[in-house]
All heavy atoms as atom14 arrays in JSON, in Angstrom:
{
  "sequence": "AFVLLPDVTAAEADDGLVLLDQRNGRYWQLNGTGAATLRLLLDGY",
  "atom14_mask": [
    [1, 1, 1, 1, 1, 0, 0, 0, 0, 0, 0, 0, 0, 0],
    [1, 1, 1, 1, 1, 1, 1, 1, 1, 1, 1, 0, 0, 0],
    [1, 1, 1, 1, 1, 1, 1, 0, 0, 0, 0, 0, 0, 0],
    [1, 1, 1, 1, 1, 1, 1, 1, 0, 0, 0, 0, 0, 0],
    [1, 1, 1, 1, 1, 1, 1, 1, 0, 0, 0, 0, 0, 0],
    [1, 1, 1, 1, 1, 1, 1, 0, 0, 0, 0, 0, 0, 0],
    [1, 1, 1, 1, 1, 1, 1, 1, 0, 0, 0, 0, 0, 0],
    [1, 1, 1, 1, 1, 1, 1, 0, 0, 0, 0, 0, 0, 0],
    [1, 1, 1, 1, 1, 1, 1, 0, 0, 0, 0, 0, 0, 0],
    [1, 1, 1, 1, 1, 0, 0, 0, 0, 0, 0, 0, 0, 0],
    [1, 1, 1, 1, 1, 0, 0, 0, 0, 0, 0, 0, 0, 0],
    [1, 1, 1, 1, 1, 1, 1, 1, 1, 0, 0, 0, 0, 0],
    [1, 1, 1, 1, 1, 0, 0, 0, 0, 0, 0, 0, 0, 0],
    [1, 1, 1, 1, 1, 1, 1, 1, 0, 0, 0, 0, 0, 0],
    [1, 1, 1, 1, 1, 1, 1, 1, 0, 0, 0, 0, 0, 0],
    [1, 1, 1, 1, 0, 0, 0, 0, 0, 0, 0, 0, 0, 0],
    [1, 1, 1, 1, 1, 1, 1, 1, 0, 0, 0, 0, 0, 0],
    [1, 1, 1, 1, 1, 1, 1, 0, 0, 0, 0, 0, 0, 0],
    [1, 1, 1, 1, 1, 1, 1, 1, 0, 0, 0, 0, 0, 0],
    [1, 1, 1, 1, 1, 1, 1, 1, 0, 0, 0, 0, 0, 0],
    [1, 1, 1, 1, 1, 1, 1, 1, 0, 0, 0, 0, 0, 0],
    [1, 1, 1, 1, 1, 1, 1, 1, 1, 0, 0, 0, 0, 0],
    [1, 1, 1, 1, 1, 1, 1, 1, 1, 1, 1, 0, 0, 0],
    [1, 1, 1, 1, 1, 1, 1, 1, 0, 0, 0, 0, 0, 0],
    [1, 1, 1, 1, 0, 0, 0, 0, 0, 0, 0, 0, 0, 0],
    [1, 1, 1, 1, 1, 1, 1, 1, 1, 1, 1, 0, 0, 0],
    [1, 1, 1, 1, 1, 1, 1, 1, 1, 1, 1, 1, 0, 0],
    [1, 1, 1, 1, 1, 1, 1, 1, 1, 1, 1, 1, 1, 1],
    [1, 1, 1, 1, 1, 1, 1, 1, 1, 0, 0, 0, 0, 0],
    [1, 1, 1, 1, 1, 1, 1, 1, 0, 0, 0, 0, 0, 0],
    [1, 1, 1, 1, 1, 1, 1, 1, 0, 0, 0, 0, 0, 0],
    [1, 1, 1, 1, 0, 0, 0, 0, 0, 0, 0, 0, 0, 0],
    [1, 1, 1, 1, 1, 1, 1, 0, 0, 0, 0, 0, 0, 0],
    [1, 1, 1, 1, 0, 0, 0, 0, 0, 0, 0, 0, 0, 0],
    [1, 1, 1, 1, 1, 0, 0, 0, 0, 0, 0, 0, 0, 0],
    [1, 1, 1, 1, 1, 0, 0, 0, 0, 0, 0, 0, 0, 0],
    [1, 1, 1, 1, 1, 1, 1, 0, 0, 0, 0, 0, 0, 0],
    [1, 1, 1, 1, 1, 1, 1, 1, 0, 0, 0, 0, 0, 0],
    [1, 1, 1, 1, 1, 1, 1, 1, 1, 1, 1, 0, 0, 0],
    [1, 1, 1, 1, 1, 1, 1, 1, 0, 0, 0, 0, 0, 0],
    [1, 1, 1, 1, 1, 1, 1, 1, 0, 0, 0, 0, 0, 0],
    [1, 1, 1, 1, 1, 1, 1, 1, 0, 0, 0, 0, 0, 0],
    [1, 1, 1, 1, 1, 1, 1, 1, 0, 0, 0, 0, 0, 0],
    [1, 1, 1, 1, 0, 0, 0, 0, 0, 0, 0, 0, 0, 0],
    [1, 1, 1, 1, 1, 1, 1, 1, 1, 1, 1, 1, 0, 0]
  ],
  "atom14_positions": [
    [[-13.57, 26.59, 112.18], [-12.69, 25.81, 113.05], [-11.89, 24.81, 112.22], [-12.32, 24.39, 111.15], [-13.51, 25.07, 114.09], [0.0, 0.0, 0.0], [0.0, 0.0, 0.0], [0.0, 0.0, 0.0], [0.0, 0.0, 0.0], [0.0, 0.0, 0.0], [0.0, 0.0, 0.0], [0.0, 0.0, 0.0], [0.0, 0.0, 0.0], [0.0, 0.0, 0.0]],
    [[-10.74, 24.45, 112.72], [-9.88, 23.49, 112.05], [-9.65, 22.3, 112.98], [-9.61, 22.46, 114.2], [-8.54, 24.13, 111.68], [-8.69, 25.24, 110.68], [-8.84, 26.54, 111.1], [-8.73, 24.97, 109.33], [-9.01, 27.57, 110.2], [-8.89, 25.99, 108.4], [-9.03, 27.3, 108.84], [0.0, 0.0, 0.0], [0.0, 0.0, 0.0], [0.0, 0.0, 0.0]],
    [[-9.52, 21.11, 112.39], [-9.24, 19.89, 113.15], [-8.19, 19.08, 112.41], [-8.08, 19.18, 111.18], [-10.51, 19.02, 113.36], [-11.54, 19.75, 114.2], [-11.1, 18.59, 112.04], [0.0, 0.0, 0.0], [0.0, 0.0, 0.0], [0.0, 0.0, 0.0], [0.0, 0.0, 0.0], [0.0, 0.0, 0.0], [0.0, 0.0, 0.0], [0.0, 0.0, 0.0]],
    [[-7.45, 18.28, 113.18], [-6.55, 17.32, 112.56], [-7.39, 16.23, 111.9], [-8.43, 15.84, 112.45], [-5.62, 16.68, 113.59], [-4.56, 17.57, 114.24], [-3.81, 16.8, 115.31], [-3.6, 18.12, 113.21], [0.0, 0.0, 0.0], [0.0, 0.0, 0.0], [0.0, 0.0, 0.0], [0.0, 0.0, 0.0], [0.0, 0.0, 0.0], [0.0, 0.0, 0.0]],
    [[-6.96, 15.75, 110.77], [-7.66, 14.63, 110.14], [-7.5, 13.39, 111.01], [-6.53, 13.27, 111.78], [-7.13, 14.4, 108.73], [-7.55, 15.48, 107.73], [-6.87, 15.29, 106.39], [-9.05, 15.47, 107.54], [0.0, 0.0, 0.0], [0.0, 0.0, 0.0], [0.0, 0.0, 0.0], [0.0, 0.0, 0.0], [0.0, 0.0, 0.0], [0.0, 0.0, 0.0]],
    [[-8.42, 12.44, 110.92], [-8.4, 11.27, 111.8], [-7.11, 10.45, 111.76], [-6.73, 9.85, 112.76], [-9.59, 10.43, 111.33], [-10.48, 11.38, 110.64], [-9.6, 12.44, 110.05], [0.0, 0.0, 0.0], [0.0, 0.0, 0.0], [0.0, 0.0, 0.0], [0.0, 0.0, 0.0], [0.0, 0.0, 0.0], [0.0, 0.0, 0.0], [0.0, 0.0, 0.0]],
    [[-6.42, 10.43, 110.63], [-5.19, 9.63, 110.51], [-3.94, 10.41, 110.86], [-2.83, 9.95, 110.61], [-5.07, 9.09, 109.08], [-6.14, 8.06, 108.77], [-6.56, 7.34, 109.68], [-6.56, 7.99, 107.6], [0.0, 0.0, 0.0], [0.0, 0.0, 0.0], [0.0, 0.0, 0.0], [0.0, 0.0, 0.0], [0.0, 0.0, 0.0], [0.0, 0.0, 0.0]],
    [[-4.11, 11.57, 111.47], [-2.97, 12.41, 111.85], [-2.89, 12.47, 113.37], [-3.88, 12.76, 114.03], [-3.09, 13.83, 111.25], [-1.95, 14.71, 111.72], [-3.15, 13.76, 109.74], [0.0, 0.0, 0.0], [0.0, 0.0, 0.0], [0.0, 0.0, 0.0], [0.0, 0.0, 0.0], [0.0, 0.0, 0.0], [0.0, 0.0, 0.0], [0.0, 0.0, 0.0]],
    [[-1.72, 12.16, 113.9], [-1.52, 12.25, 115.34], [-0.48, 13.33, 115.62], [0.4, 13.59, 114.81], [-1.04, 10.91, 115.95], [0.15, 10.5, 115.29], [-2.1, 9.84, 115.78], [0.0, 0.0, 0.0], [0.0, 0.0, 0.0], [0.0, 0.0, 0.0], [0.0, 0.0, 0.0], [0.0, 0.0, 0.0], [0.0, 0.0, 0.0], [0.0, 0.0, 0.0]],
    [[-0.6, 13.92, 116.8], [0.32, 14.98, 117.22], [1.0, 14.54, 118.5], [0.38, 13.94, 119.38], [-0.44, 16.28, 117.45], [0.0, 0.0, 0.0], [0.0, 0.0, 0.0], [0.0, 0.0, 0.0], [0.0, 0.0, 0.0], [0.0, 0.0, 0.0], [0.0, 0.0, 0.0], [0.0, 0.0, 0.0], [0.0, 0.0, 0.0], [0.0, 0.0, 0.0]],
    [[2.28, 14.82, 118.59], [3.05, 14.51, 119.79], [3.9, 15.72, 120.15], [4.5, 16.35, 119.28], [3.94, 13.29, 119.56], [0.0, 0.0, 0.0], [0.0, 0.0, 0.0], [0.0, 0.0, 0.0], [0.0, 0.0, 0.0], [0.0, 0.0, 0.0], [0.0, 0.0, 0.0], [0.0, 0.0, 0.0], [0.0, 0.0, 0.0], [0.0, 0.0, 0.0]],
    [[3.93, 16.02, 121.43], [4.76, 17.13, 121.92], [6.22, 16.77, 121.72], [6.63, 15.62, 121.91], [4.5, 17.38, 123.4], [3.1, 17.85, 123.71], [2.81, 19.25, 123.2], [3.73, 20.08, 123.14], [1.65, 19.51, 122.87], [0.0, 0.0, 0.0], [0.0, 0.0, 0.0], [0.0, 0.0, 0.0], [0.0, 0.0, 0.0], [0.0, 0.0, 0.0]],
    [[7.01, 17.74, 121.35], [8.46, 17.6, 121.23], [9.1, 18.68, 122.08], [8.43, 19.63, 122.5], [8.88, 17.74, 119.77], [0.0, 0.0, 0.0], [0.0, 0.0, 0.0], [0.0, 0.0, 0.0], [0.0, 0.0, 0.0], [0.0, 0.0, 0.0], [0.0, 0.0, 0.0], [0.0, 0.0, 0.0], [0.0, 0.0, 0.0], [0.0, 0.0, 0.0]],
    [[10.38, 18.53, 122.34], [11.07, 19.5, 123.19], [10.95, 20.92, 122.66], [10.82, 21.86, 123.43], [12.56, 19.14, 123.3], [12.78, 17.91, 124.15], [11.9, 17.56, 124.97], [13.84, 17.28, 123.98], [0.0, 0.0, 0.0], [0.0, 0.0, 0.0], [0.0, 0.0, 0.0], [0.0, 0.0, 0.0], [0.0, 0.0, 0.0], [0.0, 0.0, 0.0]],
    [[10.96, 21.06, 121.36], [10.95, 22.4, 120.78], [9.73, 22.67, 119.9], [9.76, 23.52, 119.04], [12.23, 22.62, 119.97], [12.39, 21.57, 118.88], [11.67, 20.57, 118.88], [13.26, 21.77, 118.01], [0.0, 0.0, 0.0], [0.0, 0.0, 0.0], [0.0, 0.0, 0.0], [0.0, 0.0, 0.0], [0.0, 0.0, 0.0], [0.0, 0.0, 0.0]],
    [[8.65, 21.94, 120.11], [7.45, 22.18, 119.31], [6.51, 20.99, 119.3], [6.15, 20.46, 120.33], [0.0, 0.0, 0.0], [0.0, 0.0, 0.0], [0.0, 0.0, 0.0], [0.0, 0.0, 0.0], [0.0, 0.0, 0.0], [0.0, 0.0, 0.0], [0.0, 0.0, 0.0], [0.0, 0.0, 0.0], [0.0, 0.0, 0.0], [0.0, 0.0, 0.0]],
    [[6.16, 20.57, 118.1], [5.15, 19.54, 117.92], [5.52, 18.72, 116.69], [6.03, 19.26, 115.71], [3.8, 20.23, 117.68], [2.51, 19.47, 117.82], [2.31, 18.97, 119.24], [1.34, 20.37, 117.44], [0.0, 0.0, 0.0], [0.0, 0.0, 0.0], [0.0, 0.0, 0.0], [0.0, 0.0, 0.0], [0.0, 0.0, 0.0], [0.0, 0.0, 0.0]],
    [[5.28, 17.41, 116.76], [5.5, 16.53, 115.62], [4.16, 15.95, 115.21], [3.4, 15.46, 116.04], [6.48, 15.39, 115.97], [6.62, 14.42, 114.81], [7.84, 15.95, 116.37], [0.0, 0.0, 0.0], [0.0, 0.0, 0.0], [0.0, 0.0, 0.0], [0.0, 0.0, 0.0], [0.0, 0.0, 0.0], [0.0, 0.0, 0.0], [0.0, 0.0, 0.0]],
    [[3.86, 16.04, 113.92], [2.65, 15.47, 113.36], [3.03, 14.24, 112.55], [4.0, 14.28, 111.78], [1.94, 16.48, 112.46], [1.56, 17.81, 113.08], [0.95, 18.72, 112.03], [0.62, 17.62, 114.24], [0.0, 0.0, 0.0], [0.0, 0.0, 0.0], [0.0, 0.0, 0.0], [0.0, 0.0, 0.0], [0.0, 0.0, 0.0], [0.0, 0.0, 0.0]],
    [[2.28, 13.17, 112.7], [2.5, 11.95, 111.93], [1.27, 11.69, 111.09], [0.17, 11.56, 111.61], [2.76, 10.76, 112.85], [2.76, 9.38, 112.17], [3.86, 9.27, 111.13], [2.88, 8.27, 113.2], [0.0, 0.0, 0.0], [0.0, 0.0, 0.0], [0.0, 0.0, 0.0], [0.0, 0.0, 0.0], [0.0, 0.0, 0.0], [0.0, 0.0, 0.0]],
    [[1.48, 11.62, 109.79], [0.42, 11.24, 108.87], [0.49, 9.72, 108.73], [1.37, 9.19, 108.06], [0.62, 11.92, 107.51], [-0.5, 11.65, 106.55], [-1.29, 10.7, 106.78], [-0.6, 12.38, 105.55], [0.0, 0.0, 0.0], [0.0, 0.0, 0.0], [0.0, 0.0, 0.0], [0.0, 0.0, 0.0], [0.0, 0.0, 0.0], [0.0, 0.0, 0.0]],
    [[-0.42, 9.01, 109.39], [-0.38, 7.56, 109.43], [-0.73, 6.92, 108.09], [-0.47, 5.74, 107.89], [-1.31, 7.05, 110.53], [-0.86, 7.49, 111.91], [-1.82, 7.06, 112.98], [-2.41, 5.99, 112.92], [-2.0, 7.9, 113.99], [0.0, 0.0, 0.0], [0.0, 0.0, 0.0], [0.0, 0.0, 0.0], [0.0, 0.0, 0.0], [0.0, 0.0, 0.0]],
    [[-1.29, 7.7, 107.16], [-1.62, 7.15, 105.85], [-0.37, 6.88, 105.03], [-0.34, 5.95, 104.24], [-2.53, 8.12, 105.08], [-3.89, 8.32, 105.74], [-4.58, 9.52, 105.18], [-3.78, 10.69, 105.55], [-4.17, 11.93, 105.41], [-5.33, 12.2, 104.87], [-3.41, 12.94, 105.78], [0.0, 0.0, 0.0], [0.0, 0.0, 0.0], [0.0, 0.0, 0.0]],
    [[0.66, 7.72, 105.21], [1.87, 7.55, 104.39], [3.16, 7.52, 105.21], [4.24, 7.41, 104.64], [1.95, 8.65, 103.32], [1.95, 10.04, 103.93], [2.33, 10.24, 105.07], [1.53, 11.02, 103.15], [0.0, 0.0, 0.0], [0.0, 0.0, 0.0], [0.0, 0.0, 0.0], [0.0, 0.0, 0.0], [0.0, 0.0, 0.0], [0.0, 0.0, 0.0]],
    [[3.06, 7.62, 106.53], [4.23, 7.55, 107.39], [5.08, 8.81, 107.43], [6.16, 8.79, 108.01], [0.0, 0.0, 0.0], [0.0, 0.0, 0.0], [0.0, 0.0, 0.0], [0.0, 0.0, 0.0], [0.0, 0.0, 0.0], [0.0, 0.0, 0.0], [0.0, 0.0, 0.0], [0.0, 0.0, 0.0], [0.0, 0.0, 0.0], [0.0, 0.0, 0.0]],
    [[4.6, 9.89, 106.85], [5.38, 11.13, 106.84], [5.23, 11.87, 108.16], [4.15, 11.93, 108.74], [4.92, 12.04, 105.7], [5.31, 11.48, 104.34], [5.05, 12.44, 103.24], [5.91, 13.61, 103.41], [5.74, 14.73, 102.73], [4.77, 14.84, 101.86], [6.55, 15.75, 102.93], [0.0, 0.0, 0.0], [0.0, 0.0, 0.0], [0.0, 0.0, 0.0]],
    [[6.34, 12.44, 108.6], [6.38, 13.27, 109.81], [6.5, 14.73, 109.41], [7.17, 15.06, 108.44], [7.6, 12.92, 110.66], [7.5, 11.62, 111.4], [7.95, 10.44, 110.82], [6.97, 11.57, 112.67], [7.87, 9.24, 111.5], [6.88, 10.37, 113.37], [7.33, 9.22, 112.77], [7.25, 8.04, 113.44], [0.0, 0.0, 0.0], [0.0, 0.0, 0.0]],
    [[5.86, 15.57, 110.2], [5.99, 17.01, 110.06], [6.41, 17.55, 111.41], [5.75, 17.25, 112.41], [4.66, 17.63, 109.65], [4.23, 17.27, 108.27], [3.83, 16.06, 107.82], [4.2, 18.13, 107.15], [3.53, 16.12, 106.5], [3.75, 17.39, 106.06], [4.49, 19.48, 106.98], [3.59, 17.94, 104.8], [4.32, 20.03, 105.72], [3.89, 19.26, 104.65]],
    [[7.48, 18.31, 111.46], [7.93, 18.88, 112.72], [7.68, 20.38, 112.71], [8.11, 21.09, 111.79], [9.41, 18.61, 112.95], [9.87, 19.08, 114.32], [11.2, 18.51, 114.7], [11.77, 17.69, 114.01], [11.71, 18.97, 115.82], [0.0, 0.0, 0.0], [0.0, 0.0, 0.0], [0.0, 0.0, 0.0], [0.0, 0.0, 0.0], [0.0, 0.0, 0.0]],
    [[6.97, 20.85, 113.72], [6.69, 22.27, 113.87], [7.53, 22.83, 115.01], [7.61, 22.21, 116.08], [5.2, 22.49, 114.19], [4.2, 21.93, 113.18], [2.78, 22.21, 113.66], [4.42, 22.53, 111.81], [0.0, 0.0, 0.0], [0.0, 0.0, 0.0], [0.0, 0.0, 0.0], [0.0, 0.0, 0.0], [0.0, 0.0, 0.0], [0.0, 0.0, 0.0]],
    [[8.13, 23.98, 114.78], [8.87, 24.63, 115.86], [7.88, 25.19, 116.87], [6.66, 25.04, 116.72], [9.82, 25.69, 115.3], [9.11, 26.85, 114.64], [7.91, 27.06, 114.82], [9.84, 27.62, 113.84], [0.0, 0.0, 0.0], [0.0, 0.0, 0.0], [0.0, 0.0, 0.0], [0.0, 0.0, 0.0], [0.0, 0.0, 0.0], [0.0, 0.0, 0.0]],
    [[8.38, 25.85, 117.88], [7.52, 26.36, 118.94], [6.44, 27.31, 118.45], [5.28, 27.23, 118.86], [0.0, 0.0, 0.0], [0.0, 0.0, 0.0], [0.0, 0.0, 0.0], [0.0, 0.0, 0.0], [0.0, 0.0, 0.0], [0.0, 0.0, 0.0], [0.0, 0.0, 0.0], [0.0, 0.0, 0.0], [0.0, 0.0, 0.0], [0.0, 0.0, 0.0]],
    [[6.8, 28.21, 117.54], [5.82, 29.16, 117.02], [4.8, 28.45, 116.13], [3.61, 28.75, 116.18], [6.53, 30.29, 116.24], [7.5, 30.89, 117.09], [5.53, 31.34, 115.79], [0.0, 0.0, 0.0], [0.0, 0.0, 0.0], [0.0, 0.0, 0.0], [0.0, 0.0, 0.0], [0.0, 0.0, 0.0], [0.0, 0.0, 0.0], [0.0, 0.0, 0.0]],
    [[5.27, 27.52, 115.31], [4.35, 26.75, 114.47], [3.39, 25.94, 115.32], [2.2, 25.85, 115.01], [0.0, 0.0, 0.0], [0.0, 0.0, 0.0], [0.0, 0.0, 0.0], [0.0, 0.0, 0.0], [0.0, 0.0, 0.0], [0.0, 0.0, 0.0], [0.0, 0.0, 0.0], [0.0, 0.0, 0.0], [0.0, 0.0, 0.0], [0.0, 0.0, 0.0]],
    [[3.9, 25.35, 116.39], [3.06, 24.56, 117.29], [2.02, 25.46, 117.97], [0.84, 25.1, 118.07], [3.91, 23.86, 118.34], [0.0, 0.0, 0.0], [0.0, 0.0, 0.0], [0.0, 0.0, 0.0], [0.0, 0.0, 0.0], [0.0, 0.0, 0.0], [0.0, 0.0, 0.0], [0.0, 0.0, 0.0], [0.0, 0.0, 0.0], [0.0, 0.0, 0.0]],
    [[2.46, 26.65, 118.41], [1.52, 27.59, 119.04], [0.44, 28.01, 118.05], [-0.75, 28.09, 118.4], [2.27, 28.81, 119.56], [0.0, 0.0, 0.0], [0.0, 0.0, 0.0], [0.0, 0.0, 0.0], [0.0, 0.0, 0.0], [0.0, 0.0, 0.0], [0.0, 0.0, 0.0], [0.0, 0.0, 0.0], [0.0, 0.0, 0.0], [0.0, 0.0, 0.0]],
    [[0.82, 28.23, 116.8], [-0.13, 28.61, 115.77], [-1.15, 27.5, 115.54], [-2.36, 27.75, 115.51], [0.61, 28.92, 114.45], [1.54, 29.98, 114.68], [-0.36, 29.31, 113.36], [0.0, 0.0, 0.0], [0.0, 0.0, 0.0], [0.0, 0.0, 0.0], [0.0, 0.0, 0.0], [0.0, 0.0, 0.0], [0.0, 0.0, 0.0], [0.0, 0.0, 0.0]],
    [[-0.67, 26.27, 115.39], [-1.59, 25.15, 115.17], [-2.53, 24.97, 116.36], [-3.72, 24.76, 116.18], [-0.82, 23.86, 114.9], [-1.69, 22.62, 114.69], [-2.67, 22.8, 113.55], [-0.82, 21.4, 114.47], [0.0, 0.0, 0.0], [0.0, 0.0, 0.0], [0.0, 0.0, 0.0], [0.0, 0.0, 0.0], [0.0, 0.0, 0.0], [0.0, 0.0, 0.0]],
    [[-2.02, 25.1, 117.56], [-2.89, 24.96, 118.75], [-4.0, 26.01, 118.74], [-5.15, 25.7, 119.07], [-2.06, 25.06, 120.02], [-1.23, 23.83, 120.28], [-0.5, 23.94, 121.63], [0.51, 22.93, 121.74], [1.83, 23.13, 121.6], [2.28, 24.35, 121.38], [2.68, 22.14, 121.71], [0.0, 0.0, 0.0], [0.0, 0.0, 0.0], [0.0, 0.0, 0.0]],
    [[-3.65, 27.24, 118.39], [-4.66, 28.29, 118.33], [-5.73, 27.96, 117.28], [-6.93, 28.1, 117.54], [-4.02, 29.64, 118.0], [-3.16, 30.27, 119.1], [-2.41, 31.48, 118.57], [-4.01, 30.63, 120.31], [0.0, 0.0, 0.0], [0.0, 0.0, 0.0], [0.0, 0.0, 0.0], [0.0, 0.0, 0.0], [0.0, 0.0, 0.0], [0.0, 0.0, 0.0]],
    [[-5.3, 27.51, 116.11], [-6.25, 27.16, 115.06], [-7.14, 25.99, 115.49], [-8.35, 25.99, 115.23], [-5.51, 26.84, 113.77], [-4.76, 28.0, 113.13], [-3.85, 27.5, 112.01], [-5.72, 29.06, 112.64], [0.0, 0.0, 0.0], [0.0, 0.0, 0.0], [0.0, 0.0, 0.0], [0.0, 0.0, 0.0], [0.0, 0.0, 0.0], [0.0, 0.0, 0.0]],
    [[-6.56, 25.0, 116.15], [-7.34, 23.86, 116.63], [-8.27, 24.23, 117.77], [-9.29, 23.57, 117.98], [-6.41, 22.71, 117.06], [-5.56, 22.08, 115.95], [-4.63, 21.02, 116.55], [-6.42, 21.49, 114.84], [0.0, 0.0, 0.0], [0.0, 0.0, 0.0], [0.0, 0.0, 0.0], [0.0, 0.0, 0.0], [0.0, 0.0, 0.0], [0.0, 0.0, 0.0]],
    [[-7.92, 25.32, 118.49], [-8.77, 25.8, 119.58], [-9.9, 26.7, 119.08], [-10.65, 27.25, 119.89], [-7.94, 26.55, 120.62], [-7.12, 25.63, 121.51], [-7.39, 24.41, 121.52], [-6.2, 26.13, 122.19], [0.0, 0.0, 0.0], [0.0, 0.0, 0.0], [0.0, 0.0, 0.0], [0.0, 0.0, 0.0], [0.0, 0.0, 0.0], [0.0, 0.0, 0.0]],
    [[-10.01, 26.87, 117.77], [-11.11, 27.63, 117.22], [-10.8, 29.05, 116.79], [-11.69, 29.77, 116.35], [0.0, 0.0, 0.0], [0.0, 0.0, 0.0], [0.0, 0.0, 0.0], [0.0, 0.0, 0.0], [0.0, 0.0, 0.0], [0.0, 0.0, 0.0], [0.0, 0.0, 0.0], [0.0, 0.0, 0.0], [0.0, 0.0, 0.0], [0.0, 0.0, 0.0]],
    [[-9.56, 29.48, 116.93], [-9.19, 30.81, 116.46], [-9.21, 30.83, 114.93], [-8.78, 29.87, 114.28], [-7.77, 31.17, 116.91], [-7.66, 31.59, 118.35], [-7.79, 30.68, 119.38], [-7.39, 32.91, 118.68], [-7.67, 31.06, 120.71], [-7.26, 33.3, 120.01], [-7.41, 32.37, 121.02], [-7.29, 32.76, 122.31], [0.0, 0.0, 0.0], [0.0, 0.0, 0.0]]
  ]
}
C-alpha cells in the first residue's frame, strides 16, 4: 500500500489533483488520469 507522507496535502482541482509538499512549499499538479492513478494507489491497488 502507498500513503501520502504526513507533510503532503492533496486538494481537488477542476482537472485533477494538486499536492503540496509543506516541507519545501512545492506544488505538484496531477491531471485527471494522474489523479485517478494516485487515488487507486492510495486505495491499496
